PDB file of N, CA and C in Angstrom:
ATOM      1  N   UNK A   1      10.499  17.747 -22.522  1.00  0.00           N
ATOM      2  CA  UNK A   1      10.289  17.882 -21.091  1.00  0.00           C
ATOM      3  C   UNK A   1      10.229  19.372 -20.764  1.00  0.00           C
ATOM      4  N   UNK A   2       9.156  19.804 -20.123  1.00  0.00           N
ATOM      5  CA  UNK A   2       8.940  21.229 -19.852  1.00  0.00           C
ATOM      6  C   UNK A   2       9.501  21.695 -18.517  1.00  0.00           C
ATOM      7  N   UNK A   3       9.837  20.770 -17.638  1.00  0.00           N
ATOM      8  CA  UNK A   3      10.346  21.137 -16.311  1.00  0.00           C
ATOM      9  C   UNK A   3      11.869  21.214 -16.357  1.00  0.00           C
ATOM     10  N   UNK A   4      12.399  22.325 -15.832  1.00  0.00           N
ATOM     11  CA  UNK A   4      13.839  22.567 -15.871  1.00  0.00           C
ATOM     12  C   UNK A   4      14.391  22.749 -14.471  1.00  0.00           C
ATOM     13  N   UNK A   5      15.713  22.793 -14.368  1.00  0.00           N
ATOM     14  CA  UNK A   5      16.397  23.038 -13.105  1.00  0.00           C
ATOM     15  C   UNK A   5      15.995  24.413 -12.570  1.00  0.00           C
ATOM     16  N   UNK A   6      15.660  24.461 -11.285  1.00  0.00           N
ATOM     17  CA  UNK A   6      15.273  25.728 -10.660  1.00  0.00           C
ATOM     18  C   UNK A   6      13.775  25.955 -10.579  1.00  0.00           C
ATOM     19  N   UNK A   7      12.982  25.166 -11.295  1.00  0.00           N
ATOM     20  CA  UNK A   7      11.517  25.298 -11.249  1.00  0.00           C
ATOM     21  C   UNK A   7      10.976  24.806  -9.910  1.00  0.00           C
ATOM     22  N   UNK A   8       9.879  25.409  -9.465  1.00  0.00           N
ATOM     23  CA  UNK A   8       9.170  24.922  -8.278  1.00  0.00           C
ATOM     24  C   UNK A   8       8.101  23.947  -8.742  1.00  0.00           C
ATOM     25  N   UNK A   9       8.078  22.778  -8.123  1.00  0.00           N
ATOM     26  CA  UNK A   9       7.135  21.738  -8.530  1.00  0.00           C
ATOM     27  C   UNK A   9       6.389  21.168  -7.330  1.00  0.00           C
ATOM     28  N   UNK A  10       5.247  20.515  -7.614  1.00  0.00           N
ATOM     29  CA  UNK A  10       4.446  19.816  -6.615  1.00  0.00           C
ATOM     30  C   UNK A  10       4.392  18.353  -7.032  1.00  0.00           C
ATOM     31  N   UNK A  11       4.609  17.453  -6.082  1.00  0.00           N
ATOM     32  CA  UNK A  11       4.530  16.013  -6.349  1.00  0.00           C
ATOM     33  C   UNK A  11       3.052  15.628  -6.389  1.00  0.00           C
ATOM     34  N   UNK A  12       2.624  14.949  -7.465  1.00  0.00           N
ATOM     35  CA  UNK A  12       1.208  14.590  -7.600  1.00  0.00           C
ATOM     36  C   UNK A  12       0.965  13.091  -7.435  1.00  0.00           C
ATOM     37  N   UNK A  13       2.034  12.299  -7.290  1.00  0.00           N
ATOM     38  CA  UNK A  13       1.871  10.854  -7.095  1.00  0.00           C
ATOM     39  C   UNK A  13       3.066  10.318  -6.323  1.00  0.00           C
ATOM     40  N   UNK A  14       2.843   9.261  -5.562  1.00  0.00           N
ATOM     41  CA  UNK A  14       3.927   8.617  -4.824  1.00  0.00           C
ATOM     42  C   UNK A  14       3.881   8.939  -3.342  1.00  0.00           C
ATOM     43  N   UNK A  15       4.931   8.549  -2.622  1.00  0.00           N
ATOM     44  CA  UNK A  15       4.950   8.682  -1.161  1.00  0.00           C
ATOM     45  C   UNK A  15       5.000  10.125  -0.684  1.00  0.00           C
ATOM     46  N   UNK A  16       5.474  11.045  -1.510  1.00  0.00           N
ATOM     47  CA  UNK A  16       5.571  12.461  -1.134  1.00  0.00           C
ATOM     48  C   UNK A  16       4.468  13.305  -1.780  1.00  0.00           C
ATOM     49  N   UNK A  17       3.349  12.691  -2.103  1.00  0.00           N
ATOM     50  CA  UNK A  17       2.238  13.367  -2.780  1.00  0.00           C
ATOM     51  C   UNK A  17       1.793  14.605  -1.998  1.00  0.00           C
ATOM     52  N   UNK A  18       1.658  15.730  -2.708  1.00  0.00           N
ATOM     53  CA  UNK A  18       1.199  16.968  -2.092  1.00  0.00           C
ATOM     54  C   UNK A  18       2.320  17.880  -1.637  1.00  0.00           C
ATOM     55  N   UNK A  19       3.535  17.375  -1.533  1.00  0.00           N
ATOM     56  CA  UNK A  19       4.667  18.196  -1.097  1.00  0.00           C
ATOM     57  C   UNK A  19       5.249  18.948  -2.286  1.00  0.00           C
ATOM     58  N   UNK A  20       5.906  20.069  -1.985  1.00  0.00           N
ATOM     59  CA  UNK A  20       6.490  20.857  -3.062  1.00  0.00           C
ATOM     60  C   UNK A  20       7.956  21.126  -2.780  1.00  0.00           C
ATOM     61  N   UNK A  21       8.699  21.435  -3.828  1.00  0.00           N
ATOM     62  CA  UNK A  21      10.119  21.712  -3.703  1.00  0.00           C
ATOM     63  C   UNK A  21      10.681  22.248  -5.000  1.00  0.00           C
ATOM     64  N   UNK A  22      11.990  22.480  -4.992  1.00  0.00           N
ATOM     65  CA  UNK A  22      12.679  23.046  -6.143  1.00  0.00           C
ATOM     66  C   UNK A  22      13.443  21.944  -6.871  1.00  0.00           C
ATOM     67  N   UNK A  23      13.442  21.983  -8.191  1.00  0.00           N
ATOM     68  CA  UNK A  23      14.165  21.002  -8.990  1.00  0.00           C
ATOM     69  C   UNK A  23      15.657  21.315  -8.909  1.00  0.00           C
ATOM     70  N   UNK A  24      16.433  20.329  -8.432  1.00  0.00           N
ATOM     71  CA  UNK A  24      17.881  20.482  -8.297  1.00  0.00           C
ATOM     72  C   UNK A  24      18.578  20.028  -9.575  1.00  0.00           C
ATOM     73  N   UNK A  25      18.007  19.000 -10.203  1.00  0.00           N
ATOM     74  CA  UNK A  25      18.644  18.410 -11.376  1.00  0.00           C
ATOM     75  C   UNK A  25      17.572  17.839 -12.297  1.00  0.00           C
ATOM     76  N   UNK A  26      17.735  18.044 -13.596  1.00  0.00           N
ATOM     77  CA  UNK A  26      16.818  17.483 -14.586  1.00  0.00           C
ATOM     78  C   UNK A  26      17.579  16.456 -15.420  1.00  0.00           C
ATOM     79  N   UNK A  27      16.952  15.310 -15.632  1.00  0.00           N
ATOM     80  CA  UNK A  27      17.555  14.232 -16.420  1.00  0.00           C
ATOM     81  C   UNK A  27      16.650  13.947 -17.622  1.00  0.00           C
ATOM     82  N   UNK A  28      16.747  14.760 -18.694  1.00  0.00           N
ATOM     83  CA  UNK A  28      15.805  14.632 -19.815  1.00  0.00           C
ATOM     84  C   UNK A  28      15.882  13.312 -20.569  1.00  0.00           C
ATOM     85  N   UNK A  29      17.047  12.694 -20.646  1.00  0.00           N
ATOM     86  CA  UNK A  29      17.150  11.415 -21.364  1.00  0.00           C
ATOM     87  C   UNK A  29      16.407  10.298 -20.635  1.00  0.00           C
ATOM     88  N   UNK A  30      16.388  10.348 -19.300  1.00  0.00           N
ATOM     89  CA  UNK A  30      15.681   9.354 -18.493  1.00  0.00           C
ATOM     90  C   UNK A  30      14.274   9.810 -18.139  1.00  0.00           C
ATOM     91  N   UNK A  31      13.925  11.052 -18.497  1.00  0.00           N
ATOM     92  CA  UNK A  31      12.608  11.622 -18.219  1.00  0.00           C
ATOM     93  C   UNK A  31      12.343  11.708 -16.715  1.00  0.00           C
ATOM     94  N   UNK A  32      13.367  12.129 -15.944  1.00  0.00           N
ATOM     95  CA  UNK A  32      13.266  12.212 -14.487  1.00  0.00           C
ATOM     96  C   UNK A  32      13.814  13.538 -13.985  1.00  0.00           C
ATOM     97  N   UNK A  33      13.408  13.903 -12.761  1.00  0.00           N
ATOM     98  CA  UNK A  33      13.925  15.096 -12.095  1.00  0.00           C
ATOM     99  C   UNK A  33      14.260  14.756 -10.644  1.00  0.00           C
ATOM    100  N   UNK A  34      15.209  15.500 -10.066  1.00  0.00           N
ATOM    101  CA  UNK A  34      15.551  15.360  -8.659  1.00  0.00           C
ATOM    102  C   UNK A  34      15.035  16.605  -7.958  1.00  0.00           C
ATOM    103  N   UNK A  35      14.162  16.418  -6.952  1.00  0.00           N
ATOM    104  CA  UNK A  35      13.558  17.531  -6.228  1.00  0.00           C
ATOM    105  C   UNK A  35      14.223  17.634  -4.854  1.00  0.00           C
ATOM    106  N   UNK A  36      14.589  18.843  -4.486  1.00  0.00           N
ATOM    107  CA  UNK A  36      15.305  19.105  -3.244  1.00  0.00           C
ATOM    108  C   UNK A  36      14.498  18.654  -2.023  1.00  0.00           C
ATOM    109  N   UNK A  37      15.064  17.735  -1.242  1.00  0.00           N
ATOM    110  CA  UNK A  37      14.451  17.290   0.001  1.00  0.00           C
ATOM    111  C   UNK A  37      13.283  16.324  -0.132  1.00  0.00           C
ATOM    112  N   UNK A  38      12.995  15.858  -1.333  1.00  0.00           N
ATOM    113  CA  UNK A  38      11.877  14.926  -1.537  1.00  0.00           C
ATOM    114  C   UNK A  38      12.365  13.636  -2.186  1.00  0.00           C
ATOM    115  N   UNK A  39      11.583  12.569  -2.012  1.00  0.00           N
ATOM    116  CA  UNK A  39      11.916  11.232  -2.499  1.00  0.00           C
ATOM    117  C   UNK A  39      13.269  10.787  -1.934  1.00  0.00           C
ATOM    118  N   UNK A  40      13.427  10.971  -0.616  1.00  0.00           N
ATOM    119  CA  UNK A  40      14.678  10.659   0.066  1.00  0.00           C
ATOM    120  C   UNK A  40      14.792   9.158   0.348  1.00  0.00           C
ATOM    121  N   UNK A  41      15.996   8.638   0.185  1.00  0.00           N
ATOM    122  CA  UNK A  41      16.290   7.262   0.548  1.00  0.00           C
ATOM    123  C   UNK A  41      17.611   7.232   1.304  1.00  0.00           C
ATOM    124  N   UNK A  42      17.812   6.169   2.074  1.00  0.00           N
ATOM    125  CA  UNK A  42      19.066   6.023   2.817  1.00  0.00           C
ATOM    126  C   UNK A  42      20.021   5.174   1.994  1.00  0.00           C
ATOM    127  N   UNK A  43      21.247   5.656   1.865  1.00  0.00           N
ATOM    128  CA  UNK A  43      22.278   4.948   1.109  1.00  0.00           C
ATOM    129  C   UNK A  43      23.446   4.642   2.034  1.00  0.00           C
ATOM    130  N   UNK A  44      24.027   3.471   1.893  1.00  0.00           N
ATOM    131  CA  UNK A  44      25.200   3.095   2.686  1.00  0.00           C
ATOM    132  C   UNK A  44      26.442   3.676   2.024  1.00  0.00           C
ATOM    133  N   UNK A  45      27.321   4.248   2.853  1.00  0.00           N
ATOM    134  CA  UNK A  45      28.584   4.776   2.345  1.00  0.00           C
ATOM    135  C   UNK A  45      29.718   4.020   3.023  1.00  0.00           C
ATOM    136  N   UNK A  46      30.608   3.478   2.215  1.00  0.00           N
ATOM    137  CA  UNK A  46      31.730   2.705   2.721  1.00  0.00           C
ATOM    138  C   UNK A  46      32.715   3.586   3.476  1.00  0.00           C
ATOM    139  N   UNK A  47      33.442   2.990   4.398  1.00  0.00           N
ATOM    140  CA  UNK A  47      34.507   3.702   5.106  1.00  0.00           C
ATOM    141  C   UNK A  47      35.643   3.969   4.123  1.00  0.00           C
ATOM    142  N   UNK A  48      36.166   5.185   4.124  1.00  0.00           N
ATOM    143  CA  UNK A  48      37.247   5.549   3.207  1.00  0.00           C
ATOM    144  C   UNK A  48      38.619   5.123   3.734  1.00  0.00           C
ATOM    145  N   UNK A  49      38.846   5.325   5.017  1.00  0.00           N
ATOM    146  CA  UNK A  49      40.134   4.977   5.624  1.00  0.00           C
ATOM    147  C   UNK A  49      39.941   3.790   6.565  1.00  0.00           C
ATOM    148  N   UNK A  50      41.020   3.077   6.822  1.00  0.00           N
ATOM    149  CA  UNK A  50      40.915   1.972   7.783  1.00  0.00           C
ATOM    150  C   UNK A  50      40.758   2.563   9.179  1.00  0.00           C
ATOM    151  N   UNK A  51      39.904   1.954   9.979  1.00  0.00           N
ATOM    152  CA  UNK A  51      39.615   2.466  11.313  1.00  0.00           C
ATOM    153  C   UNK A  51      38.428   3.413  11.327  1.00  0.00           C
ATOM    154  N   UNK A  52      38.013   3.878  10.181  1.00  0.00           N
ATOM    155  CA  UNK A  52      36.849   4.769  10.080  1.00  0.00           C
ATOM    156  C   UNK A  52      35.609   3.911   9.887  1.00  0.00           C
ATOM    157  N   UNK A  53      34.471   4.394  10.355  1.00  0.00           N
ATOM    158  CA  UNK A  53      33.232   3.635  10.198  1.00  0.00           C
ATOM    159  C   UNK A  53      32.472   4.086   8.958  1.00  0.00           C
ATOM    160  N   UNK A  54      31.750   3.164   8.380  1.00  0.00           N
ATOM    161  CA  UNK A  54      30.859   3.495   7.285  1.00  0.00           C
ATOM    162  C   UNK A  54      29.628   4.197   7.841  1.00  0.00           C
ATOM    163  N   UNK A  55      28.937   4.965   7.022  1.00  0.00           N
ATOM    164  CA  UNK A  55      27.760   5.698   7.475  1.00  0.00           C
ATOM    165  C   UNK A  55      26.599   5.499   6.513  1.00  0.00           C
ATOM    166  N   UNK A  56      25.444   5.949   6.962  1.00  0.00           N
ATOM    167  CA  UNK A  56      24.270   5.967   6.098  1.00  0.00           C
ATOM    168  C   UNK A  56      23.942   7.421   5.820  1.00  0.00           C
ATOM    169  N   UNK A  57      23.746   7.745   4.541  1.00  0.00           N
ATOM    170  CA  UNK A  57      23.438   9.128   4.177  1.00  0.00           C
ATOM    171  C   UNK A  57      22.055   9.178   3.527  1.00  0.00           C
ATOM    172  N   UNK A  58      21.350  10.290   3.731  1.00  0.00           N
ATOM    173  CA  UNK A  58      20.068  10.501   3.060  1.00  0.00           C
ATOM    174  C   UNK A  58      20.343  11.154   1.722  1.00  0.00           C
ATOM    175  N   UNK A  59      19.693  10.652   0.683  1.00  0.00           N
ATOM    176  CA  UNK A  59      19.951  11.121  -0.665  1.00  0.00           C
ATOM    177  C   UNK A  59      18.629  11.301  -1.407  1.00  0.00           C
ATOM    178  N   UNK A  60      18.490  12.411  -2.108  1.00  0.00           N
ATOM    179  CA  UNK A  60      17.289  12.639  -2.925  1.00  0.00           C
ATOM    180  C   UNK A  60      17.436  11.856  -4.223  1.00  0.00           C
ATOM    181  N   UNK A  61      16.467  11.002  -4.511  1.00  0.00           N
ATOM    182  CA  UNK A  61      16.521  10.167  -5.707  1.00  0.00           C
ATOM    183  C   UNK A  61      15.628  10.755  -6.797  1.00  0.00           C
ATOM    184  N   UNK A  62      15.914  10.423  -8.061  1.00  0.00           N
ATOM    185  CA  UNK A  62      15.099  10.944  -9.171  1.00  0.00           C
ATOM    186  C   UNK A  62      13.660  10.423  -9.118  1.00  0.00           C
ATOM    187  N   UNK A  63      12.752  11.261  -9.575  1.00  0.00           N
ATOM    188  CA  UNK A  63      11.331  10.902  -9.657  1.00  0.00           C
ATOM    189  C   UNK A  63      10.882  11.165 -11.096  1.00  0.00           C
ATOM    190  N   UNK A  64       9.998  10.330 -11.581  1.00  0.00           N
ATOM    191  CA  UNK A  64       9.538  10.484 -12.959  1.00  0.00           C
ATOM    192  C   UNK A  64       8.836  11.823 -13.143  1.00  0.00           C
ATOM    193  N   UNK A  65       9.090  12.459 -14.268  1.00  0.00           N
ATOM    194  CA  UNK A  65       8.555  13.794 -14.519  1.00  0.00           C
ATOM    195  C   UNK A  65       7.025  13.789 -14.642  1.00  0.00           C
ATOM    196  N   UNK A  66       6.433  12.623 -14.932  1.00  0.00           N
ATOM    197  CA  UNK A  66       4.977  12.531 -15.010  1.00  0.00           C
ATOM    198  C   UNK A  66       4.326  12.620 -13.636  1.00  0.00           C
ATOM    199  N   UNK A  67       5.118  12.451 -12.570  1.00  0.00           N
ATOM    200  CA  UNK A  67       4.596  12.496 -11.206  1.00  0.00           C
ATOM    201  C   UNK A  67       4.761  13.864 -10.547  1.00  0.00           C
ATOM    202  N   UNK A  68       5.183  14.868 -11.307  1.00  0.00           N
ATOM    203  CA  UNK A  68       5.311  16.215 -10.780  1.00  0.00           C
ATOM    204  C   UNK A  68       4.611  17.205 -11.713  1.00  0.00           C
ATOM    205  N   UNK A  69       4.211  18.343 -11.148  1.00  0.00           N
ATOM    206  CA  UNK A  69       3.644  19.415 -11.975  1.00  0.00           C
ATOM    207  C   UNK A  69       4.204  20.741 -11.482  1.00  0.00           C
ATOM    208  N   UNK A  70       4.256  21.716 -12.361  1.00  0.00           N
ATOM    209  CA  UNK A  70       4.751  23.033 -12.010  1.00  0.00           C
ATOM    210  C   UNK A  70       3.837  23.670 -10.982  1.00  0.00           C
ATOM    211  N   UNK A  71       4.430  24.302  -9.951  1.00  0.00           N
ATOM    212  CA  UNK A  71       3.661  24.989  -8.927  1.00  0.00           C
ATOM    213  C   UNK A  71       3.312  26.384  -9.417  1.00  0.00           C
ATOM    214  N   UNK A  72       2.124  26.841  -9.097  1.00  0.00           N
ATOM    215  CA  UNK A  72       1.695  28.182  -9.523  1.00  0.00           C
ATOM    216  C   UNK A  72       2.245  29.221  -8.598  1.00  0.00           C
TER     217      UNK A  72
END
């Protein structure tokens, strides 16, 4: 895998096609990368204490490395 943490990449396929960002995390065993602010999904977070409400958080999910290319 040629893409590493800190590289600037452009998404070439998927819902965020054409957008660019910085690689926050590389997962070479799964052949995926996490790009800052892209491929966002909403995740439910349970309440930690009683009386507190659960929330929904936005989280950047991994994207296959074949769907990104290094930005020039």
